[in-house]
Amino acid sequence: MKSKKLVVCGGGNSAHILIPFLKDSIFDVYVYTSRPSQWSNTISLEWQDADGNLLDTDSGNIKAASNKPEDIFPDADYVVFCMPVHKYRVALHEIAPYLHREKEVTLCVLYSQGGWNWMVDEIKQKYGLNNIVTFAFGLIPWICRIKEYGHSGVVYGVSKIANFAAAYPNRCFDQIAKELISPICNNRIVHERVEQSSNFISLTMSADNQIIHTSRCLGLYKVYGREWDKKEDVPWFYKDWDDLSANILKAVDSEYTLIRSAFKTKFPEKDFFYMRDYMELEQFGYNSEITDIKASFTDFGTLDAIGTPVVKNERGKWEIDRNHRFFLDDIYYGNCIAKWMAEQFGILTPTIDEVLNWAQMMRGEQIIDDEHCLILNSPDIQVPFKTGIPAVYGFATIDDCVD
């Protein structure tokens, strides 16, 4: 089979797993990164259990790493984005002028939070890219971390049993499954079936990280306040998950469920099989029988090594990092999107409102007003590419959001 060119766009956690898993695929792999000199030609992978014991290793090679889009994208067949969600749109507009206009180019994300298809449609229209194929996973296929940037990564614990994904045009799904999904989701470490969703809105509204991270951060604030005296006093993000954080997550997810139900009522002809709540996603992905939110974080062990993202402030205390992706991804490309949709449907969201009020207090910004409405003309929301609220794409109604 003729080889194809795949560009890994960004150097996030998942890039360091994706590359080794592609070693026996049809792809020649390249990396687009701001730090090309830090990338080795060989990227190694460790598979560890919940206790950090080494279970297996693997490795894969890249042809080259570059920070020059004109050198790396014109002949690309696939581009896989491995970066925080809030950087997706910035990167798309950066590389769009260099993508091939005559052949199909598949733009992929391993996690579809924030309306990936809206972002891709935005550059298709702006740059006249008529042959773009859009693809996204509903859930990131692995729990992973960087071990050494540009050199190695770690996959933790047991992988998901099942996942779901969407492609546009829909006819392209089978080809993507054969070329991309198979090597990264079915190998000697990962055995994960990936089912096809008929639309992207189901992926956007199957809320995962955007409600997990923000609920936990709010829960920590309500228990401990804004800061800790010593870094060792900071609770582990998942291992120390408490009942309060679980209750906040349950309440936020219940409000998302009201929005999901409104979609299903308004568009009965659409297949929203994969538009699921948090526990349904957990049970689907891991074939789990756990029904308790707190236990879903504390009983698996695979998340134990993940700390709470904190920084030292000017008083020498430790506080939640306000510039972390838990804000930039999960507030602006998560909770704000849900809030806009709730307003369109006339749904009250007191817990999402509480999360947004907390976030704007922490960041000193204007997101939501005293009447619990998004401030769409706020200078903090109007910053280019800062948010994925549907209005920034020119959407005026819920109908505009549905593919």
Protein backbone atom coordinates (compact mmCIF):
# COMPACT_ATOMS: atom_id res chain seq x y z
CA MET A 1 0.00 0.00 0.00
CA LYS A 2 1.27 3.46 -0.88
CA SER A 3 2.45 5.44 2.13
CA LYS A 4 0.72 8.64 3.20
CA LYS A 5 2.02 11.67 5.05
CA LEU A 6 0.65 12.32 8.53
CA VAL A 7 1.57 15.48 10.42
CA VAL A 8 1.24 15.51 14.19
CA CYS A 9 0.30 19.11 14.92
CA GLY A 10 1.53 20.04 18.39
CA GLY A 11 3.52 18.25 21.04
CA GLY A 12 0.92 17.40 23.67
CA ASN A 13 0.70 14.26 25.78
CA SER A 14 -1.11 12.29 23.09
CA ALA A 15 1.54 13.03 20.44
CA HIS A 16 4.03 10.97 22.40
CA ILE A 17 1.67 7.96 22.32
CA LEU A 18 0.32 8.40 18.81
CA ILE A 19 3.74 8.26 17.15
CA PRO A 20 4.84 4.88 18.59
CA PHE A 21 1.42 3.37 17.80
CA LEU A 22 1.79 4.45 14.15
CA LYS A 23 5.08 2.61 13.61
CA ASP A 24 3.55 -0.20 11.52
CA SER A 25 0.96 1.97 9.78
CA ILE A 26 0.89 3.34 6.25
CA PHE A 27 2.06 6.75 7.47
CA ASP A 28 5.29 8.65 7.24
CA VAL A 29 5.04 10.75 10.38
CA TYR A 30 6.13 14.39 10.76
CA VAL A 31 5.74 16.76 13.70
CA TYR A 32 4.78 20.43 13.52
CA THR A 33 6.00 22.07 16.71
CA SER A 34 7.37 25.34 18.03
CA ARG A 35 10.30 23.37 19.48
CA PRO A 36 11.58 21.15 16.67
CA SER A 37 15.13 20.92 18.07
CA GLN A 38 13.79 19.10 21.13
CA TRP A 39 12.33 16.20 19.13
CA SER A 40 14.17 12.94 18.73
CA ASN A 41 13.79 10.86 15.58
CA THR A 42 12.62 7.96 17.77
CA ILE A 43 9.77 8.38 20.25
CA SER A 44 9.50 5.70 22.92
CA LEU A 45 6.44 4.62 24.88
CA GLU A 46 6.03 2.96 28.27
CA TRP A 47 2.87 1.14 29.32
CA GLN A 48 2.54 1.28 33.11
CA ASP A 49 0.01 -0.16 35.51
CA ALA A 50 -1.71 1.84 38.26
CA ASP A 51 1.28 1.36 40.57
CA GLY A 52 3.80 2.56 38.00
CA ASN A 53 5.10 -0.90 37.13
CA LEU A 54 6.35 -1.27 33.56
CA LEU A 55 4.14 -3.61 31.53
CA ASP A 56 5.47 -3.11 28.01
CA THR A 57 7.37 -0.70 25.77
CA ASP A 58 7.14 0.42 22.18
CA SER A 59 8.65 3.06 19.90
CA GLY A 60 8.08 4.81 16.61
CA ASN A 61 9.98 7.11 14.30
CA ILE A 62 9.33 10.51 12.78
CA LYS A 63 10.73 11.72 9.48
CA ALA A 64 11.24 15.28 10.67
CA ALA A 65 10.05 17.98 13.08
CA SER A 66 9.57 21.55 11.90
CA ASN A 67 8.18 24.91 12.97
CA LYS A 68 7.68 26.05 9.38
CA PRO A 69 4.16 25.26 8.11
CA GLU A 70 5.15 25.93 4.50
CA ASP A 71 7.67 23.08 4.66
CA ILE A 72 5.47 20.44 6.26
CA PHE A 73 1.78 20.83 5.30
CA PRO A 74 1.44 21.25 1.50
CA ASP A 75 1.63 17.50 0.80
CA ALA A 76 0.02 16.24 4.04
CA ASP A 77 -2.74 13.62 3.80
CA TYR A 78 -3.64 13.59 7.50
CA VAL A 79 -3.14 16.18 10.24
CA VAL A 80 -3.72 15.04 13.82
CA PHE A 81 -3.94 17.80 16.43
CA CYS A 82 -2.29 16.99 19.76
CA MET A 83 -2.66 20.15 21.81
CA PRO A 84 -5.02 21.81 24.30
CA VAL A 85 -8.51 22.46 22.95
CA HIS A 86 -8.20 26.27 23.14
CA LYS A 87 -5.29 26.10 20.68
CA TYR A 88 -7.17 24.16 17.99
CA ARG A 89 -8.56 27.20 16.17
CA VAL A 90 -5.30 29.14 16.36
CA ALA A 91 -3.44 26.21 14.81
CA LEU A 92 -6.08 25.63 12.15
CA HIS A 93 -5.83 29.22 10.92
CA GLU A 94 -2.05 29.02 11.05
CA ILE A 95 -1.78 25.97 8.81
CA ALA A 96 -4.84 26.45 6.56
CA PRO A 97 -3.04 28.52 3.87
CA TYR A 98 -0.59 25.65 3.31
CA LEU A 99 -3.01 22.71 3.02
CA HIS A 100 -3.43 21.04 -0.38
CA ARG A 101 -6.55 22.25 -2.17
CA GLU A 102 -6.98 19.53 -4.76
CA LYS A 103 -6.72 16.29 -2.77
CA GLU A 104 -8.55 15.16 0.36
CA VAL A 105 -6.81 16.19 3.58
CA THR A 106 -8.16 14.67 6.80
CA LEU A 107 -8.07 16.93 9.87
CA CYS A 108 -8.32 14.92 13.09
CA VAL A 109 -8.53 15.46 16.82
CA LEU A 110 -8.20 12.73 19.43
CA TYR A 111 -10.70 14.59 21.62
CA SER A 112 -13.56 16.57 20.13
CA GLN A 113 -14.47 19.02 22.89
CA GLY A 114 -15.61 22.49 21.89
CA GLY A 115 -17.20 21.98 18.46
CA TRP A 116 -14.36 20.63 16.30
CA ASN A 117 -16.49 20.59 13.15
CA TRP A 118 -17.40 24.26 13.64
CA MET A 119 -13.69 25.11 13.84
CA VAL A 120 -12.87 23.16 10.68
CA ASP A 121 -15.84 24.61 8.79
CA GLU A 122 -14.55 28.07 9.73
CA ILE A 123 -11.25 27.57 7.86
CA LYS A 124 -12.92 25.68 5.00
CA GLN A 125 -15.04 28.74 4.29
CA LYS A 126 -12.30 31.31 4.85
CA TYR A 127 -9.61 29.58 2.79
CA GLY A 128 -11.72 27.78 0.18
CA LEU A 129 -10.72 24.30 1.38
CA ASN A 130 -13.35 22.20 -0.33
CA ASN A 131 -11.66 18.80 0.04
CA ILE A 132 -11.20 18.71 3.80
CA VAL A 133 -12.35 15.61 5.69
CA THR A 134 -13.25 16.27 9.33
CA PHE A 135 -12.70 13.57 11.94
CA ALA A 136 -12.83 13.43 15.74
CA PHE A 137 -12.91 10.91 18.57
CA GLY A 138 -15.57 11.37 21.22
CA LEU A 139 -13.21 10.27 24.00
CA ILE A 140 -9.43 10.44 24.00
CA PRO A 141 -8.33 6.84 23.40
CA TRP A 142 -5.76 6.63 26.22
CA ILE A 143 -4.83 8.02 29.63
CA CYS A 144 -1.34 9.29 28.92
CA ARG A 145 1.39 11.71 29.90
CA ILE A 146 4.69 12.99 28.55
CA LYS A 147 7.71 11.40 30.21
CA GLU A 148 10.34 13.46 28.36
CA TYR A 149 9.19 16.07 25.87
CA GLY A 150 9.98 15.08 22.31
CA HIS A 151 11.39 11.73 23.39
CA SER A 152 8.97 9.55 25.36
CA GLY A 153 5.47 9.13 26.75
CA VAL A 154 3.58 6.94 29.19
CA VAL A 155 0.24 5.14 28.80
CA TYR A 156 -1.41 4.36 32.13
CA GLY A 157 -3.47 1.39 33.17
CA VAL A 158 -6.26 -0.29 31.27
CA SER A 159 -7.36 1.32 28.02
CA LYS A 160 -10.98 1.96 27.12
CA ILE A 161 -12.99 -0.95 25.76
CA ALA A 162 -15.08 1.25 23.49
CA ASN A 163 -15.02 4.70 21.93
CA PHE A 164 -16.97 6.60 19.31
CA ALA A 165 -16.02 9.02 16.56
CA ALA A 166 -17.51 11.10 13.77
CA ALA A 167 -16.38 11.88 10.24
CA TYR A 168 -17.58 14.27 7.57
CA PRO A 169 -18.31 13.25 4.93
CA ASN A 170 -19.69 10.17 6.71
CA ARG A 171 -18.50 7.91 3.87
CA CYS A 172 -14.89 8.57 4.93
CA PHE A 173 -15.24 6.84 8.29
CA ASP A 174 -14.39 3.35 7.03
CA GLN A 175 -11.20 4.52 5.34
CA ILE A 176 -10.10 6.44 8.44
CA ALA A 177 -10.90 3.38 10.56
CA LYS A 178 -8.62 1.25 8.41
CA GLU A 179 -5.77 3.73 8.10
CA LEU A 180 -5.73 5.59 11.44
CA ILE A 181 -8.06 4.06 14.01
CA SER A 182 -6.83 0.51 13.60
CA PRO A 183 -3.14 1.05 14.44
CA ILE A 184 -3.74 3.40 17.36
CA CYS A 185 -6.72 1.62 18.93
CA ASN A 186 -5.96 -2.03 18.16
CA ASN A 187 -2.42 -3.11 18.95
CA ARG A 188 -0.71 -5.21 21.58
CA ILE A 189 -1.37 -2.56 24.26
CA VAL A 190 -4.76 -1.12 23.27
CA HIS A 191 -7.85 -3.10 22.24
CA GLU A 192 -10.61 -0.57 21.72
CA ARG A 193 -13.54 -0.71 19.34
CA VAL A 194 -14.56 2.61 17.83
CA GLU A 195 -18.17 3.11 16.75
CA GLN A 196 -19.40 5.74 14.32
CA SER A 197 -21.53 8.65 15.43
CA SER A 198 -23.59 10.15 12.62
CA ASN A 199 -23.00 13.71 13.84
CA PHE A 200 -20.47 15.88 15.67
CA ILE A 201 -22.95 17.63 17.98
CA SER A 202 -23.27 14.35 19.91
CA LEU A 203 -19.52 14.49 20.58
CA THR A 204 -19.64 18.15 21.62
CA MET A 205 -22.49 17.51 24.06
CA SER A 206 -21.19 14.23 25.51
CA ALA A 207 -19.47 16.22 28.21
CA ASP A 208 -16.38 14.74 29.82
CA ASN A 209 -13.30 16.83 30.68
CA GLN A 210 -15.11 20.15 30.61
CA ILE A 211 -17.38 19.14 33.48
CA ILE A 212 -14.89 16.92 35.33
CA HIS A 213 -12.10 19.48 35.62
CA THR A 214 -14.23 22.52 36.40
CA SER A 215 -16.37 20.69 38.98
CA ARG A 216 -13.28 19.45 40.80
CA CYS A 217 -11.60 22.86 40.78
CA LEU A 218 -14.73 24.52 42.17
CA GLY A 219 -14.99 21.78 44.80
CA LEU A 220 -11.39 22.37 45.90
CA TYR A 221 -12.04 26.11 46.14
CA LYS A 222 -15.14 25.60 48.27
CA VAL A 223 -13.26 23.37 50.71
CA TYR A 224 -9.82 25.04 50.84
CA GLY A 225 -10.29 28.58 49.52
CA ARG A 226 -7.96 30.12 46.97
CA GLU A 227 -4.60 28.90 48.24
CA TRP A 228 -2.51 26.45 50.24
CA ASP A 229 0.51 27.30 52.39
CA LYS A 230 2.66 24.47 51.04
CA LYS A 231 2.56 22.51 47.79
CA GLU A 232 2.45 19.23 49.70
CA ASP A 233 -0.84 20.41 51.27
CA VAL A 234 -2.54 20.46 47.85
CA PRO A 235 -4.86 17.43 47.42
CA TRP A 236 -4.37 15.08 44.48
CA PHE A 237 -6.76 15.95 41.71
CA TYR A 238 -8.37 12.51 41.32
CA LYS A 239 -7.02 10.31 44.09
CA ASP A 240 -8.40 12.69 46.76
CA TRP A 241 -11.70 13.32 44.98
CA ASP A 242 -14.35 14.10 47.60
CA ASP A 243 -18.13 14.00 47.94
CA LEU A 244 -18.50 17.74 47.39
CA SER A 245 -16.70 17.62 44.04
CA ALA A 246 -18.78 14.57 43.08
CA ASN A 247 -22.01 16.39 43.92
CA ILE A 248 -20.98 19.44 41.88
CA LEU A 249 -20.16 17.21 38.92
CA LYS A 250 -23.50 15.44 39.25
CA ALA A 251 -25.34 18.78 39.30
CA VAL A 252 -23.43 20.17 36.30
CA ASP A 253 -24.02 16.97 34.34
CA SER A 254 -27.73 17.12 35.19
CA GLU A 255 -27.87 20.57 33.61
CA TYR A 256 -26.04 19.29 30.55
CA THR A 257 -28.62 16.48 30.43
CA LEU A 258 -31.40 19.06 30.25
CA ILE A 259 -29.65 20.57 27.24
CA ARG A 260 -29.11 17.13 25.67
CA SER A 261 -32.79 16.30 26.19
CA ALA A 262 -33.79 19.57 24.55
CA PHE A 263 -31.70 18.64 21.49
CA LYS A 264 -33.37 15.24 21.29
CA THR A 265 -36.82 16.81 21.57
CA LYS A 266 -36.15 19.53 18.99
CA PHE A 267 -34.50 17.21 16.47
CA PRO A 268 -36.29 13.83 16.80
CA GLU A 269 -35.09 12.79 13.34
CA LYS A 270 -31.43 12.96 14.42
CA ASP A 271 -29.50 10.01 15.82
CA PHE A 272 -28.16 11.15 19.19
CA PHE A 273 -27.24 7.69 20.46
CA TYR A 274 -23.78 8.89 21.55
CA MET A 275 -24.98 12.08 23.26
CA ARG A 276 -24.50 10.70 26.77
CA ASP A 277 -24.07 11.81 30.36
CA TYR A 278 -20.93 11.31 32.42
CA MET A 279 -21.73 7.93 33.99
CA GLU A 280 -23.08 6.57 30.69
CA LEU A 281 -19.78 7.52 29.03
CA GLU A 282 -17.84 5.86 31.84
CA GLN A 283 -19.83 2.64 31.55
CA PHE A 284 -19.66 2.68 27.75
CA GLY A 285 -15.94 3.38 27.55
CA TYR A 286 -14.75 0.91 30.18
CA ASN A 287 -17.64 -1.56 30.28
CA SER A 288 -17.82 -0.51 33.91
CA GLU A 289 -20.56 -1.29 36.41
CA ILE A 290 -19.62 1.62 38.67
CA THR A 291 -22.56 3.96 39.27
CA ASP A 292 -20.89 6.27 41.82
CA ILE A 293 -19.15 9.39 40.49
CA LYS A 294 -16.58 9.58 43.28
CA ALA A 295 -15.66 5.91 42.87
CA SER A 296 -15.15 6.40 39.14
CA PHE A 297 -12.10 8.53 40.00
CA THR A 298 -10.80 6.92 43.18
CA ASP A 299 -11.26 3.19 42.53
CA PHE A 300 -9.43 2.68 39.21
CA GLY A 301 -5.95 3.78 40.27
CA THR A 302 -4.93 4.86 36.76
CA LEU A 303 -5.48 8.54 37.65
CA ASP A 304 -3.67 8.52 40.98
CA ALA A 305 -0.47 10.12 39.67
CA ILE A 306 -2.23 13.22 38.34
CA GLY A 307 -1.74 16.25 40.57
CA THR A 308 -3.75 19.43 40.91
CA PRO A 309 -2.35 22.18 38.63
CA VAL A 310 -1.05 24.86 40.98
CA VAL A 311 1.38 27.78 40.78
CA LYS A 312 3.16 29.80 43.44
CA ASN A 313 1.63 33.26 43.82
CA GLU A 314 3.19 36.56 44.86
CA ARG A 315 2.51 35.78 48.53
CA GLY A 316 4.48 32.56 48.35
CA LYS A 317 1.30 30.48 48.59
CA TRP A 318 0.06 27.84 46.14
CA GLU A 319 -3.12 28.36 44.12
CA ILE A 320 -4.93 26.80 41.17
CA ASP A 321 -3.22 27.80 37.92
CA ARG A 322 -5.66 30.25 36.33
CA ASN A 323 -3.94 29.90 32.96
CA HIS A 324 -4.19 26.12 32.90
CA ARG A 325 -6.22 24.34 30.23
CA PHE A 326 -8.80 23.56 32.95
CA PHE A 327 -9.81 27.20 32.47
CA LEU A 328 -8.80 27.93 28.87
CA ASP A 329 -10.24 24.66 27.50
CA ASP A 330 -12.98 23.72 29.90
CA ILE A 331 -14.49 27.11 30.66
CA TYR A 332 -14.21 28.85 27.29
CA TYR A 333 -14.56 25.77 25.06
CA GLY A 334 -16.79 23.84 27.44
CA ASN A 335 -19.06 25.41 30.03
CA CYS A 336 -19.52 28.65 28.04
CA ILE A 337 -20.78 26.67 25.05
CA ALA A 338 -23.26 24.77 27.21
CA LYS A 339 -24.42 28.03 28.80
CA TRP A 340 -25.07 29.61 25.39
CA MET A 341 -27.10 26.58 24.36
CA ALA A 342 -29.04 26.62 27.62
CA GLU A 343 -29.94 30.26 27.00
CA GLN A 344 -31.18 29.38 23.51
CA PHE A 345 -33.40 26.65 24.95
CA GLY A 346 -34.53 28.74 27.93
CA ILE A 347 -32.98 26.30 30.44
CA LEU A 348 -31.83 27.47 33.87
CA THR A 349 -28.34 26.30 34.86
CA PRO A 350 -27.59 27.38 38.45
CA THR A 351 -24.55 25.10 38.88
CA ILE A 352 -22.96 25.99 35.53
CA ASP A 353 -23.60 29.63 36.50
CA GLU A 354 -21.77 29.04 39.78
CA VAL A 355 -18.80 27.53 37.90
CA LEU A 356 -18.67 30.49 35.51
CA ASN A 357 -18.94 33.02 38.35
CA TRP A 358 -16.09 31.27 40.16
CA ALA A 359 -13.96 31.19 36.99
CA GLN A 360 -14.44 34.88 36.26
CA MET A 361 -13.61 35.73 39.87
CA MET A 362 -10.44 33.65 39.71
CA ARG A 363 -9.34 35.21 36.41
CA GLY A 364 -10.61 38.74 37.04
CA GLU A 365 -12.72 38.65 33.89
CA GLN A 366 -16.31 39.19 32.75
CA ILE A 367 -18.06 36.07 31.52
CA ILE A 368 -21.53 36.09 33.09
CA ASP A 369 -23.59 38.95 34.52
CA ASP A 370 -25.71 39.36 37.65
CA GLU A 371 -28.75 38.09 35.73
CA HIS A 372 -26.88 34.83 34.97
CA CYS A 373 -26.49 35.60 31.26
CA LEU A 374 -23.35 35.33 29.17
CA ILE A 375 -21.79 38.72 28.45
CA LEU A 376 -21.20 38.14 24.74
CA ASN A 377 -19.85 41.66 24.21
CA SER A 378 -17.39 41.37 27.10
CA PRO A 379 -13.84 42.27 26.02
CA ASP A 380 -12.74 39.07 27.76
CA ILE A 381 -14.97 36.97 25.50
CA GLN A 382 -14.29 39.02 22.35
CA VAL A 383 -10.56 38.17 22.30
CA PRO A 384 -9.99 36.35 18.97
CA PHE A 385 -10.08 32.55 19.30
CA LYS A 386 -10.47 32.71 23.09
CA THR A 387 -13.84 31.01 23.18
CA GLY A 388 -15.86 28.51 21.18
CA ILE A 389 -19.27 29.96 22.02
CA PRO A 390 -21.37 29.27 18.89
CA ALA A 391 -21.97 33.00 18.39
CA VAL A 392 -18.31 33.51 17.43
CA TYR A 393 -18.96 31.44 14.29
CA GLY A 394 -21.94 33.61 13.40
CA PHE A 395 -24.47 31.11 14.75
CA ALA A 396 -27.70 32.74 15.87
CA THR A 397 -29.83 29.73 16.82
CA ILE A 398 -29.52 26.14 17.98
CA ASP A 399 -30.34 25.01 14.44
CA ASP A 400 -27.02 26.47 13.27
CA CYS A 401 -25.11 24.19 15.67
CA VAL A 402 -26.45 20.89 14.41
CA ASP A 403 -24.61 19.13 11.60
